[in-house]
Amino acid sequence: MVNFNTAPFDEFELGAFTFKIYIDPIDVKKSRLMIGTTSDNWGMMIAGGTYTFGYLLTAYKRQDLDQLLGYAMHCYTLATNIVQNEAYFRAHSAALEQLFADWETEAQKAAMEVTEEQEQAAQAFIQEMNSYAEADEEGKKRISGEWEEIANEIDKEGKWENIY
């Protein structure tokens, strides 16, 4: 569970936005980024352990403040205008529908290119995930050990070491 009583790792203002970064050194999923307006009329939280959190934390570490500000501006504009401006809502909805249609077309094309071997490997993976989900604690430890052995066999050169 996220502790909301901790002091932020860093907090700062960029334009009309405030940023508060909370870092949990033990569990990244308990970290978070809070973005709000200086007038306190809008705000959002980005959970740690997500792609977006990592992307924005990287921008922060690089001092790429334009990236942080641009993200905040886009989210604010979307959140406020989607409920206040019907023309914006319609245009945004149409753009999303087109994006989803494009993704569907790409997915169908990719599905047609899947080989029988790839399909079998995917089915085996799904079965392995189901076995893990249904296993008791001892079974989960055994399966995790097997996965670690496989990963070590694949990564004989140690390229995955310290990946995080």
C-alpha atoms as a PDB file:
ATOM      1  CA  MET A   1       0.000   0.000   0.000  1.00  0.00           C
ATOM      2  CA  VAL A   2       1.240   3.481  -0.844  1.00  0.00           C
ATOM      3  CA  ASN A   3       2.061   5.685   2.127  1.00  0.00           C
ATOM      4  CA  PHE A   4       0.713   9.146   1.317  1.00  0.00           C
ATOM      5  CA  ASN A   5       2.191  10.644   4.487  1.00  0.00           C
ATOM      6  CA  THR A   6       5.792  10.546   3.286  1.00  0.00           C
ATOM      7  CA  ALA A   7       7.606  13.680   2.213  1.00  0.00           C
ATOM      8  CA  PRO A   8       8.306  13.984  -1.508  1.00  0.00           C
ATOM      9  CA  PHE A   9      11.763  13.138  -2.840  1.00  0.00           C
ATOM     10  CA  ASP A  10      11.542  16.349  -4.845  1.00  0.00           C
ATOM     11  CA  GLU A  11       8.902  18.929  -5.666  1.00  0.00           C
ATOM     12  CA  PHE A  12       9.056  21.796  -8.108  1.00  0.00           C
ATOM     13  CA  GLU A  13       6.975  24.044 -10.352  1.00  0.00           C
ATOM     14  CA  LEU A  14       7.124  24.312 -14.123  1.00  0.00           C
ATOM     15  CA  GLY A  15       4.912  26.980 -15.592  1.00  0.00           C
ATOM     16  CA  ALA A  16       1.405  26.491 -14.197  1.00  0.00           C
ATOM     17  CA  PHE A  17       2.148  22.940 -12.984  1.00  0.00           C
ATOM     18  CA  THR A  18       3.497  21.423  -9.794  1.00  0.00           C
ATOM     19  CA  PHE A  19       5.408  18.151  -9.703  1.00  0.00           C
ATOM     20  CA  LYS A  20       5.971  16.013  -6.616  1.00  0.00           C
ATOM     21  CA  ILE A  21       8.089  12.884  -6.911  1.00  0.00           C
ATOM     22  CA  TYR A  22       7.780  10.229  -4.227  1.00  0.00           C
ATOM     23  CA  ILE A  23      10.353   7.426  -4.326  1.00  0.00           C
ATOM     24  CA  ASP A  24      10.137   4.203  -2.355  1.00  0.00           C
ATOM     25  CA  PRO A  25      13.662   2.721  -2.487  1.00  0.00           C
ATOM     26  CA  ILE A  26      12.409  -0.781  -1.680  1.00  0.00           C
ATOM     27  CA  ASP A  27       9.337  -1.148  -3.892  1.00  0.00           C
ATOM     28  CA  VAL A  28       9.043   0.972  -7.040  1.00  0.00           C
ATOM     29  CA  LYS A  29       5.315   0.207  -7.167  1.00  0.00           C
ATOM     30  CA  LYS A  30       4.937   2.333  -4.042  1.00  0.00           C
ATOM     31  CA  SER A  31       6.616   5.281  -5.758  1.00  0.00           C
ATOM     32  CA  ARG A  32       4.518   7.880  -7.539  1.00  0.00           C
ATOM     33  CA  LEU A  33       4.549  11.176  -9.401  1.00  0.00           C
ATOM     34  CA  MET A  34       1.916  13.744  -8.553  1.00  0.00           C
ATOM     35  CA  ILE A  35       1.234  16.436 -11.155  1.00  0.00           C
ATOM     36  CA  GLY A  36      -1.150  19.296 -10.488  1.00  0.00           C
ATOM     37  CA  THR A  37      -1.828  22.883 -11.344  1.00  0.00           C
ATOM     38  CA  THR A  38      -0.570  25.736  -9.208  1.00  0.00           C
ATOM     39  CA  SER A  39      -4.206  26.840  -8.850  1.00  0.00           C
ATOM     40  CA  ASP A  40      -5.159  23.373  -7.514  1.00  0.00           C
ATOM     41  CA  ASN A  41      -8.023  22.960  -9.994  1.00  0.00           C
ATOM     42  CA  TRP A  42      -6.623  19.757 -11.545  1.00  0.00           C
ATOM     43  CA  GLY A  43      -4.259  16.986 -10.584  1.00  0.00           C
ATOM     44  CA  MET A  44      -3.217  13.445 -11.348  1.00  0.00           C
ATOM     45  CA  MET A  45      -1.077  10.668  -9.927  1.00  0.00           C
ATOM     46  CA  ILE A  46       1.138   8.337 -11.928  1.00  0.00           C
ATOM     47  CA  ALA A  47       1.862   5.070 -10.185  1.00  0.00           C
ATOM     48  CA  GLY A  48       5.421   3.858  -9.809  1.00  0.00           C
ATOM     49  CA  GLY A  49       6.323   0.720 -11.673  1.00  0.00           C
ATOM     50  CA  THR A  50       4.507   1.870 -14.802  1.00  0.00           C
ATOM     51  CA  TYR A  51       6.015   2.723 -18.158  1.00  0.00           C
ATOM     52  CA  THR A  52       4.807   6.310 -17.855  1.00  0.00           C
ATOM     53  CA  PHE A  53       6.403   6.734 -14.423  1.00  0.00           C
ATOM     54  CA  GLY A  54       9.728   5.392 -15.708  1.00  0.00           C
ATOM     55  CA  TYR A  55       9.585   7.589 -18.793  1.00  0.00           C
ATOM     56  CA  LEU A  56       8.908  10.743 -16.803  1.00  0.00           C
ATOM     57  CA  LEU A  57      11.407   9.854 -14.069  1.00  0.00           C
ATOM     58  CA  THR A  58      14.040   9.453 -16.772  1.00  0.00           C
ATOM     59  CA  ALA A  59      13.121  12.879 -18.154  1.00  0.00           C
ATOM     60  CA  TYR A  60      13.454  14.297 -14.622  1.00  0.00           C
ATOM     61  CA  LYS A  61      16.879  12.693 -14.131  1.00  0.00           C
ATOM     62  CA  ARG A  62      18.040  14.130 -17.470  1.00  0.00           C
ATOM     63  CA  GLN A  63      16.558  17.502 -16.497  1.00  0.00           C
ATOM     64  CA  ASP A  64      14.419  17.355 -19.644  1.00  0.00           C
ATOM     65  CA  LEU A  65      11.892  19.770 -18.180  1.00  0.00           C
ATOM     66  CA  ASP A  66      10.208  20.397 -21.548  1.00  0.00           C
ATOM     67  CA  GLN A  67       9.218  16.718 -21.615  1.00  0.00           C
ATOM     68  CA  LEU A  68       7.678  16.924 -18.133  1.00  0.00           C
ATOM     69  CA  LEU A  69       5.878  20.157 -18.910  1.00  0.00           C
ATOM     70  CA  GLY A  70       4.639  18.855 -22.267  1.00  0.00           C
ATOM     71  CA  TYR A  71       3.231  15.722 -20.637  1.00  0.00           C
ATOM     72  CA  ALA A  72       1.451  17.763 -17.984  1.00  0.00           C
ATOM     73  CA  MET A  73       0.046  20.193 -20.557  1.00  0.00           C
ATOM     74  CA  HIS A  74      -1.292  17.384 -22.758  1.00  0.00           C
ATOM     75  CA  CYS A  75      -2.934  15.577 -19.844  1.00  0.00           C
ATOM     76  CA  TYR A  76      -4.423  18.799 -18.476  1.00  0.00           C
ATOM     77  CA  THR A  77      -5.748  19.854 -21.888  1.00  0.00           C
ATOM     78  CA  LEU A  78      -7.265  16.448 -22.522  1.00  0.00           C
ATOM     79  CA  ALA A  79      -8.823  16.129 -19.055  1.00  0.00           C
ATOM     80  CA  THR A  80     -10.364  19.581 -18.983  1.00  0.00           C
ATOM     81  CA  ASN A  81     -11.463  19.927 -22.610  1.00  0.00           C
ATOM     82  CA  ILE A  82     -12.921  16.464 -22.950  1.00  0.00           C
ATOM     83  CA  VAL A  83     -15.705  17.502 -20.563  1.00  0.00           C
ATOM     84  CA  GLN A  84     -15.982  21.175 -21.496  1.00  0.00           C
ATOM     85  CA  ASN A  85     -15.697  21.286 -25.282  1.00  0.00           C
ATOM     86  CA  GLU A  86     -17.976  19.040 -27.346  1.00  0.00           C
ATOM     87  CA  ALA A  87     -16.134  19.685 -30.631  1.00  0.00           C
ATOM     88  CA  TYR A  88     -12.836  18.725 -28.971  1.00  0.00           C
ATOM     89  CA  PHE A  89     -14.475  15.619 -27.529  1.00  0.00           C
ATOM     90  CA  ARG A  90     -15.787  14.547 -30.941  1.00  0.00           C
ATOM     91  CA  ALA A  91     -12.460  15.190 -32.665  1.00  0.00           C
ATOM     92  CA  HIS A  92     -10.557  13.342 -29.960  1.00  0.00           C
ATOM     93  CA  SER A  93     -12.997  10.407 -30.061  1.00  0.00           C
ATOM     94  CA  ALA A  94     -12.696  10.188 -33.848  1.00  0.00           C
ATOM     95  CA  ALA A  95      -8.896  10.213 -33.598  1.00  0.00           C
ATOM     96  CA  LEU A  96      -9.000   7.434 -30.993  1.00  0.00           C
ATOM     97  CA  GLU A  97     -11.371   5.359 -33.106  1.00  0.00           C
ATOM     98  CA  GLN A  98      -8.995   5.700 -36.060  1.00  0.00           C
ATOM     99  CA  LEU A  99      -6.014   4.773 -33.871  1.00  0.00           C
ATOM    100  CA  PHE A 100      -7.809   1.661 -32.583  1.00  0.00           C
ATOM    101  CA  ALA A 101      -8.797   0.702 -36.131  1.00  0.00           C
ATOM    102  CA  ASP A 102      -5.167   1.068 -37.251  1.00  0.00           C
ATOM    103  CA  TRP A 103      -4.011  -1.100 -34.328  1.00  0.00           C
ATOM    104  CA  GLU A 104      -6.627  -3.717 -35.220  1.00  0.00           C
ATOM    105  CA  THR A 105      -5.417  -3.773 -38.827  1.00  0.00           C
ATOM    106  CA  GLU A 106      -1.791  -4.121 -37.694  1.00  0.00           C
ATOM    107  CA  ALA A 107      -2.734  -6.892 -35.249  1.00  0.00           C
ATOM    108  CA  GLN A 108      -4.648  -8.814 -37.928  1.00  0.00           C
ATOM    109  CA  LYS A 109      -1.703  -8.495 -40.307  1.00  0.00           C
ATOM    110  CA  ALA A 110       0.732  -9.680 -37.620  1.00  0.00           C
ATOM    111  CA  ALA A 111      -1.574 -12.587 -36.726  1.00  0.00           C
ATOM    112  CA  MET A 112      -1.540 -13.758 -40.340  1.00  0.00           C
ATOM    113  CA  GLU A 113       2.281 -13.857 -40.222  1.00  0.00           C
ATOM    114  CA  VAL A 114       2.502 -16.029 -37.084  1.00  0.00           C
ATOM    115  CA  THR A 115       4.088 -19.391 -37.770  1.00  0.00           C
ATOM    116  CA  GLU A 116       2.788 -22.667 -36.351  1.00  0.00           C
ATOM    117  CA  GLU A 117       5.918 -22.882 -34.179  1.00  0.00           C
ATOM    118  CA  GLN A 118       5.278 -19.405 -32.746  1.00  0.00           C
ATOM    119  CA  GLU A 119       1.646 -20.307 -32.050  1.00  0.00           C
ATOM    120  CA  GLN A 120       2.683 -23.471 -30.209  1.00  0.00           C
ATOM    121  CA  ALA A 121       5.243 -21.526 -28.170  1.00  0.00           C
ATOM    122  CA  ALA A 122       2.601 -18.959 -27.225  1.00  0.00           C
ATOM    123  CA  GLN A 123       0.180 -21.710 -26.168  1.00  0.00           C
ATOM    124  CA  ALA A 124       2.908 -23.374 -24.088  1.00  0.00           C
ATOM    125  CA  PHE A 125       3.654 -20.051 -22.416  1.00  0.00           C
ATOM    126  CA  ILE A 126      -0.028 -19.495 -21.580  1.00  0.00           C
ATOM    127  CA  GLN A 127      -0.249 -23.002 -20.124  1.00  0.00           C
ATOM    128  CA  GLU A 128       2.867 -22.348 -18.042  1.00  0.00           C
ATOM    129  CA  MET A 129       1.366 -19.104 -16.722  1.00  0.00           C
ATOM    130  CA  ASN A 130      -1.861 -20.911 -15.842  1.00  0.00           C
ATOM    131  CA  SER A 131       0.102 -23.651 -14.056  1.00  0.00           C
ATOM    132  CA  TYR A 132       1.924 -21.015 -12.037  1.00  0.00           C
ATOM    133  CA  ALA A 133      -1.296 -19.182 -11.155  1.00  0.00           C
ATOM    134  CA  GLU A 134      -2.937 -22.395  -9.967  1.00  0.00           C
ATOM    135  CA  ALA A 135       0.106 -23.733  -8.074  1.00  0.00           C
ATOM    136  CA  ASP A 136       0.519 -23.668  -4.303  1.00  0.00           C
ATOM    137  CA  GLU A 137       3.510 -21.829  -2.778  1.00  0.00           C
ATOM    138  CA  GLU A 138       5.828 -24.840  -3.112  1.00  0.00           C
ATOM    139  CA  GLY A 139       4.797 -25.269  -6.748  1.00  0.00           C
ATOM    140  CA  LYS A 140       5.356 -21.576  -7.449  1.00  0.00           C
ATOM    141  CA  LYS A 141       8.883 -21.794  -5.982  1.00  0.00           C
ATOM    142  CA  ARG A 142       9.620 -24.844  -8.124  1.00  0.00           C
ATOM    143  CA  ILE A 143       8.308 -23.198 -11.297  1.00  0.00           C
ATOM    144  CA  SER A 144      10.193 -19.951 -10.544  1.00  0.00           C
ATOM    145  CA  GLY A 145      13.379 -21.973 -10.100  1.00  0.00           C
ATOM    146  CA  GLU A 146      12.811 -23.658 -13.452  1.00  0.00           C
ATOM    147  CA  TRP A 147      12.273 -20.282 -15.110  1.00  0.00           C
ATOM    148  CA  GLU A 148      15.461 -18.948 -13.531  1.00  0.00           C
ATOM    149  CA  GLU A 149      17.419 -21.943 -14.852  1.00  0.00           C
ATOM    150  CA  ILE A 150      16.021 -21.344 -18.340  1.00  0.00           C
ATOM    151  CA  ALA A 151      16.855 -17.620 -18.142  1.00  0.00           C
ATOM    152  CA  ASN A 152      20.398 -18.409 -16.974  1.00  0.00           C
ATOM    153  CA  GLU A 153      20.820 -20.904 -19.825  1.00  0.00           C
ATOM    154  CA  ILE A 154      19.633 -18.308 -22.354  1.00  0.00           C
ATOM    155  CA  ASP A 155      21.830 -15.607 -20.812  1.00  0.00           C
ATOM    156  CA  LYS A 156      25.149 -17.443 -20.561  1.00  0.00           C
ATOM    157  CA  GLU A 157      27.017 -14.214 -21.301  1.00  0.00           C
ATOM    158  CA  GLY A 158      25.481 -12.333 -18.362  1.00  0.00           C
ATOM    159  CA  LYS A 159      23.863  -9.628 -20.476  1.00  0.00           C
ATOM    160  CA  TRP A 160      20.783  -9.551 -18.239  1.00  0.00           C
ATOM    161  CA  GLU A 161      22.782  -9.034 -15.074  1.00  0.00           C
ATOM    162  CA  ASN A 162      21.844  -5.803 -13.316  1.00  0.00           C
ATOM    163  CA  ILE A 163      19.147  -5.169 -15.924  1.00  0.00           C
ATOM    164  CA  TYR A 164      17.298  -3.050 -13.386  1.00  0.00           C
END
